[in-house]
Amino acid sequence: MTIKIINKSNHELPSYETIASAGLDLRANISETIELKPLERCIVGTGLFIELPVGVEAQVRSRSGLAVKNGVCVLNSPGTIDADYRGEIGVVLVNLSKEDFSIINGERIAQLVISRHERAVWQEVEKLSVTERGEGGFGSTGTL
């Protein structure tokens, strides 16, 4: 799938790190280092603007290494970029650790997954089909 992109950053276009990677790495495009204190959040610009085809979304997700090593995650993960959005891709980061975290220009801060999606058409009914699980949720199918 070909996607139009404008790159106003000083960094290379997002790329897949391996042949089997689902996500493209997004890099911080900032003029000054951001000091993210514990439990603080911020939006980090990437300098990237994309045009997605209708029926496709881009999902902004946490990088697992950043999350496990530093406690820094994408707050609204996955963040959705709709096909009609034309603004800069921004990443909402939160520091869930007890230590300050420095975000530097060019640092890989998130990953972007491109995904096709369907549009729902609601059909109102009086009853839903019966399943073995039924209304059980939030841990009802077993223990952790």
Protein backbone atom coordinates (compact mmCIF):
# COMPACT_ATOMS: atom_id res chain seq x y z
CA MET A 1 0.00 0.00 0.00
CA THR A 2 1.37 3.40 -0.95
CA ILE A 3 0.78 6.28 1.45
CA LYS A 4 1.56 9.93 0.71
CA ILE A 5 3.81 11.57 3.31
CA ILE A 6 5.33 15.00 3.92
CA ASN A 7 8.49 14.91 6.03
CA LYS A 8 9.23 18.26 7.70
CA SER A 9 11.60 16.66 10.20
CA ASN A 10 15.37 16.34 9.92
CA HIS A 11 15.05 12.57 10.14
CA GLU A 12 14.61 9.74 7.68
CA LEU A 13 11.13 8.50 6.86
CA PRO A 14 9.70 5.98 9.33
CA SER A 15 10.91 2.49 8.54
CA TYR A 16 10.39 -1.10 9.61
CA GLU A 17 13.33 -2.38 11.70
CA THR A 18 12.97 -5.98 10.45
CA ILE A 19 11.27 -7.74 7.54
CA ALA A 20 8.54 -9.03 9.90
CA SER A 21 7.95 -5.80 11.87
CA ALA A 22 4.32 -4.61 11.95
CA GLY A 23 5.18 -1.11 13.15
CA LEU A 24 7.24 1.71 11.70
CA ASP A 25 9.33 3.66 14.20
CA LEU A 26 8.35 7.30 14.81
CA ARG A 27 11.05 9.74 15.92
CA ALA A 28 10.79 12.87 18.05
CA ASN A 29 11.15 16.04 16.00
CA ILE A 30 11.88 18.66 18.67
CA SER A 31 14.14 21.70 18.90
CA GLU A 32 14.93 21.18 22.60
CA THR A 33 15.14 18.14 24.86
CA ILE A 34 11.91 17.49 26.76
CA GLU A 35 12.27 16.50 30.42
CA LEU A 36 9.27 14.31 31.22
CA LYS A 37 8.80 14.05 34.97
CA PRO A 38 7.08 11.08 36.68
CA LEU A 39 3.35 10.93 35.84
CA GLU A 40 3.74 13.88 33.46
CA ARG A 41 2.49 13.72 29.88
CA CYS A 42 3.17 15.69 26.72
CA ILE A 43 2.60 15.68 22.98
CA VAL A 44 5.78 15.13 20.98
CA GLY A 45 5.80 16.21 17.34
CA THR A 46 7.24 14.03 14.60
CA GLY A 47 7.33 16.48 11.69
CA LEU A 48 5.34 13.95 9.63
CA PHE A 49 2.07 14.51 7.78
CA ILE A 50 0.29 11.66 5.98
CA GLU A 51 -2.62 11.10 3.62
CA LEU A 52 -4.25 7.74 4.20
CA PRO A 53 -6.74 6.14 1.82
CA VAL A 54 -10.34 5.86 3.06
CA GLY A 55 -10.73 2.53 4.89
CA VAL A 56 -7.23 2.75 6.38
CA GLU A 57 -6.10 4.07 9.76
CA ALA A 58 -2.69 4.56 11.33
CA GLN A 59 -2.33 3.42 14.94
CA VAL A 60 0.25 5.08 17.20
CA ARG A 61 1.48 2.56 19.77
CA SER A 62 4.06 2.34 22.53
CA ARG A 63 7.51 0.95 21.83
CA SER A 64 7.90 -2.07 24.09
CA GLY A 65 11.54 -1.32 24.91
CA LEU A 66 10.77 2.26 25.98
CA ALA A 67 7.87 1.03 28.08
CA VAL A 68 9.69 -1.77 29.90
CA LYS A 69 13.06 -0.04 30.33
CA ASN A 70 11.86 3.49 31.11
CA GLY A 71 8.13 3.31 31.91
CA VAL A 72 7.35 5.69 29.03
CA CYS A 73 4.24 4.80 27.01
CA VAL A 74 1.80 6.21 24.50
CA LEU A 75 -1.02 7.38 26.77
CA ASN A 76 -3.96 6.83 24.43
CA SER A 77 -2.54 3.67 22.94
CA PRO A 78 -3.36 2.94 20.30
CA GLY A 79 -3.94 6.47 19.13
CA THR A 80 -5.88 6.53 15.87
CA ILE A 81 -5.02 8.70 12.89
CA ASP A 82 -8.06 8.86 10.60
CA ALA A 83 -7.89 9.02 6.81
CA ASP A 84 -9.18 12.61 6.73
CA TYR A 85 -6.61 14.02 9.22
CA ARG A 86 -3.93 16.17 7.59
CA GLY A 87 -2.11 17.62 10.60
CA GLU A 88 1.24 16.67 12.05
CA ILE A 89 1.47 13.27 13.68
CA GLY A 90 1.86 13.92 17.40
CA VAL A 91 2.59 11.29 20.04
CA VAL A 92 1.04 11.57 23.51
CA LEU A 93 3.70 10.21 25.87
CA VAL A 94 3.36 9.60 29.60
CA ASN A 95 6.13 8.81 32.09
CA LEU A 96 4.84 6.08 34.43
CA SER A 97 8.20 5.61 36.14
CA LYS A 98 9.57 7.23 39.29
CA GLU A 99 12.45 8.85 37.38
CA ASP A 100 12.63 11.83 35.02
CA PHE A 101 12.95 10.84 31.35
CA SER A 102 14.69 12.94 28.69
CA ILE A 103 13.22 12.91 25.20
CA ILE A 104 15.86 13.95 22.68
CA ASN A 105 15.49 14.97 19.05
CA GLY A 106 15.55 11.92 16.77
CA GLU A 107 14.75 9.41 19.51
CA ARG A 108 12.42 6.57 18.53
CA ILE A 109 9.38 7.34 20.68
CA ALA A 110 6.54 5.23 19.26
CA GLN A 111 5.56 2.95 16.45
CA LEU A 112 3.01 3.42 13.70
CA VAL A 113 0.91 0.51 12.46
CA ILE A 114 -1.08 0.90 9.25
CA SER A 115 -4.35 -1.03 9.31
CA ARG A 116 -7.42 -1.48 7.15
CA HIS A 117 -10.75 -1.23 8.92
CA GLU A 118 -14.46 -1.75 8.32
CA ARG A 119 -17.32 0.69 8.88
CA ALA A 120 -20.11 -0.71 11.03
CA VAL A 121 -23.74 -0.62 10.00
CA TRP A 122 -25.96 -1.04 13.06
CA GLN A 123 -28.86 -3.47 13.01
CA GLU A 124 -31.09 -2.97 16.03
CA VAL A 125 -32.52 -6.23 17.40
CA GLU A 126 -34.41 -7.36 20.50
CA LYS A 127 -32.06 -10.31 21.30
CA LEU A 128 -28.49 -11.38 20.66
CA SER A 129 -27.41 -14.97 19.99
CA VAL A 130 -26.56 -17.13 23.02
CA THR A 131 -22.93 -18.14 23.63
CA GLU A 132 -21.21 -20.23 26.29
CA ARG A 133 -19.50 -17.12 27.67
CA GLY A 134 -22.63 -15.03 27.66
CA GLU A 135 -22.29 -11.76 29.60
CA GLY A 136 -19.10 -12.77 31.43
CA GLY A 137 -16.32 -10.23 31.07
CA PHE A 138 -13.22 -8.86 32.80
CA GLY A 139 -11.58 -12.10 33.84
CA SER A 140 -14.61 -14.37 33.58
CA THR A 141 -12.89 -16.84 31.26
CA GLY A 142 -10.16 -17.82 33.72
CA THR A 143 -7.58 -16.69 36.22
CA LEU A 144 -4.41 -14.79 35.47
